[in-house]
Protein backbone atom coordinates (compact mmCIF):
# COMPACT_ATOMS: atom_id res chain seq x y z
CA MET A 1 -13.18 -8.67 -5.27
CA ASP A 2 -10.59 -6.77 -2.57
CA ILE A 3 -7.58 -9.12 -2.58
CA ARG A 4 -4.78 -8.12 -0.57
CA ARG A 5 -1.37 -9.87 -1.32
CA VAL A 6 -0.96 -9.49 2.13
CA ILE A 7 -2.59 -9.37 5.55
CA ALA A 8 -2.24 -9.39 9.36
CA THR A 9 -3.55 -10.97 12.40
CA ASP A 10 -4.87 -8.82 15.25
CA GLN A 11 -2.61 -10.10 17.30
CA ALA A 12 0.57 -9.01 14.89
CA VAL A 13 -1.52 -5.62 14.48
CA ASP A 14 -1.60 -5.06 17.99
CA LEU A 15 2.25 -5.56 18.45
CA ILE A 16 2.92 -3.12 15.43
CA GLU A 17 1.19 -0.68 17.18
CA LYS A 18 3.39 -0.76 20.18
CA LEU A 19 6.39 -1.05 18.26
CA LYS A 20 5.10 2.44 16.18
CA VAL A 21 4.91 4.04 19.81
CA GLU A 22 8.43 3.58 20.07
CA HIS A 23 10.13 3.26 17.07
CA GLY A 24 7.74 5.76 15.03
CA GLN A 25 6.78 4.87 11.49
CA LEU A 26 7.55 1.32 10.55
CA MET A 27 8.25 -0.88 7.09
CA PHE A 28 8.37 -4.50 6.41
CA HIS A 29 10.38 -6.78 3.96
CA GLN A 30 9.80 -10.20 3.79
CA SER A 31 13.55 -12.03 4.26
CA GLY A 32 14.21 -14.58 1.55
CA GLY A 33 16.47 -16.09 3.97
CA CYS A 34 20.23 -16.68 5.12
CA CYS A 35 20.69 -15.16 8.87
CA ASP A 36 17.30 -14.43 9.84
CA GLY A 37 15.38 -16.92 7.96
CA SER A 38 12.94 -16.32 6.15
CA SER A 39 11.32 -13.87 8.49
CA PRO A 40 9.44 -10.71 7.83
CA MET A 41 11.91 -7.96 9.35
CA CYS A 42 10.27 -5.02 10.57
CA TYR A 43 12.14 -1.52 10.28
CA PRO A 44 11.95 2.31 11.13
CA LYS A 45 10.56 3.86 8.15
CA GLY A 46 13.67 4.90 5.69
CA GLU A 47 16.12 2.04 7.26
CA PHE A 48 16.04 -0.17 4.82
CA MET A 49 16.68 0.59 1.39
CA THR A 50 13.91 -0.59 -1.40
CA GLY A 51 14.37 -0.61 -5.17
CA ASP A 52 13.99 -1.96 -8.71
CA SER A 53 14.33 -5.49 -6.97
CA ASP A 54 11.93 -5.11 -4.66
CA VAL A 55 7.90 -5.50 -4.93
CA LEU A 56 5.69 -3.39 -2.71
CA LEU A 57 2.67 -6.30 -1.72
CA GLY A 58 0.57 -3.68 0.11
CA GLU A 59 0.31 -2.24 3.62
CA ILE A 60 -0.25 -3.98 7.48
CA ALA A 61 -1.10 -1.36 10.01
CA GLU A 62 -0.02 1.21 7.51
CA CYS A 63 3.25 -0.10 6.80
CA GLN A 64 4.56 -0.44 3.62
CA PHE A 65 5.65 -4.77 2.82
CA PHE A 66 7.91 -5.34 0.55
CA MET A 67 9.70 -8.28 -0.66
CA GLY A 68 12.17 -9.12 -3.17
CA LYS A 69 11.30 -9.43 -7.02
CA GLN A 70 12.64 -13.24 -7.19
CA GLN A 71 10.95 -14.09 -4.45
CA PHE A 72 7.39 -12.65 -5.45
CA GLU A 73 7.77 -14.78 -8.64
CA TYR A 74 7.51 -17.64 -6.63
CA TRP A 75 5.66 -16.46 -4.09
CA LYS A 76 2.45 -14.59 -6.43
CA HIS A 77 -0.24 -16.82 -6.48
CA THR A 78 0.33 -16.84 -2.40
CA GLN A 79 -1.55 -14.46 0.42
CA LEU A 80 1.17 -13.77 2.93
CA ILE A 81 -0.60 -14.04 6.86
CA ILE A 82 1.30 -12.08 9.15
CA ASP A 83 1.45 -13.55 12.55
CA VAL A 84 3.05 -12.96 15.90
CA VAL A 85 4.20 -16.14 18.05
CA LYS A 86 6.60 -15.86 21.15
CA GLY A 87 9.90 -15.94 20.37
CA ARG A 88 13.65 -13.75 19.62
CA GLY A 89 12.68 -11.62 16.21
CA GLY A 90 15.27 -11.29 13.64
CA MET A 91 18.73 -9.77 15.01
CA PHE A 92 17.85 -6.14 12.81
CA SER A 93 14.21 -6.60 13.30
CA VAL A 94 12.38 -3.79 15.59
CA GLU A 95 10.40 -6.46 17.68
CA GLY A 96 13.64 -8.72 18.64
CA PRO A 97 13.60 -7.32 22.27
CA THR A 98 9.97 -7.45 22.75
CA GLY A 99 9.68 -11.33 23.36
CA PHE A 100 7.79 -11.88 20.38
CA ARG A 101 8.73 -12.93 16.56
CA PHE A 102 6.89 -11.66 13.53
CA LEU A 103 6.27 -14.90 11.29
CA THR A 104 4.58 -15.38 7.75
CA ARG A 105 1.46 -18.07 7.06
CA SER A 106 0.21 -18.23 3.86
CA ARG A 107 -2.14 -19.43 1.75
CA ILE A 108 -2.75 -20.29 -1.61
CA PHE A 109 -5.22 -17.55 -3.76
CA THR A 110 -8.19 -19.59 -5.22
CA ASP A 111 -8.64 -19.34 -8.94
CA GLU A 112 -11.20 -16.70 -8.95
CA GLU A 113 -8.77 -14.24 -7.14
CA ASN A 114 -5.53 -15.32 -9.05
CA VAL A 115 -7.97 -14.37 -12.76
CA ALA A 116 -8.66 -10.83 -10.70
CA LEU A 117 -4.61 -10.53 -9.82
CA GLY A 118 -3.75 -10.69 -13.42
CA CYS A 119 -1.65 -14.16 -12.42
């Protein structure tokens, strides 16, 4: 059973590929709140430092996707679905000037998926 903790819509993948042309390799961190709300933040790879307090959820469009460990404890039963909507992205997220922003949608894993994930 192929269970991914994070996936992306076709529209999100298209935007990521366009951003890679301008910024090179990218990475994501799911924001836990504060000034940029709870948006998935997109950075040039290496510009956002991750550490022991972060969990690698997987990859979307060949970009690593992280979330803080404390936040992950609340979301571990949930698949994140990264999408794109019109609007201004987070002030530090590279999609900001494009007129679009990344948005996290979600769904609860099934009982079978939770067992397979060891939850």
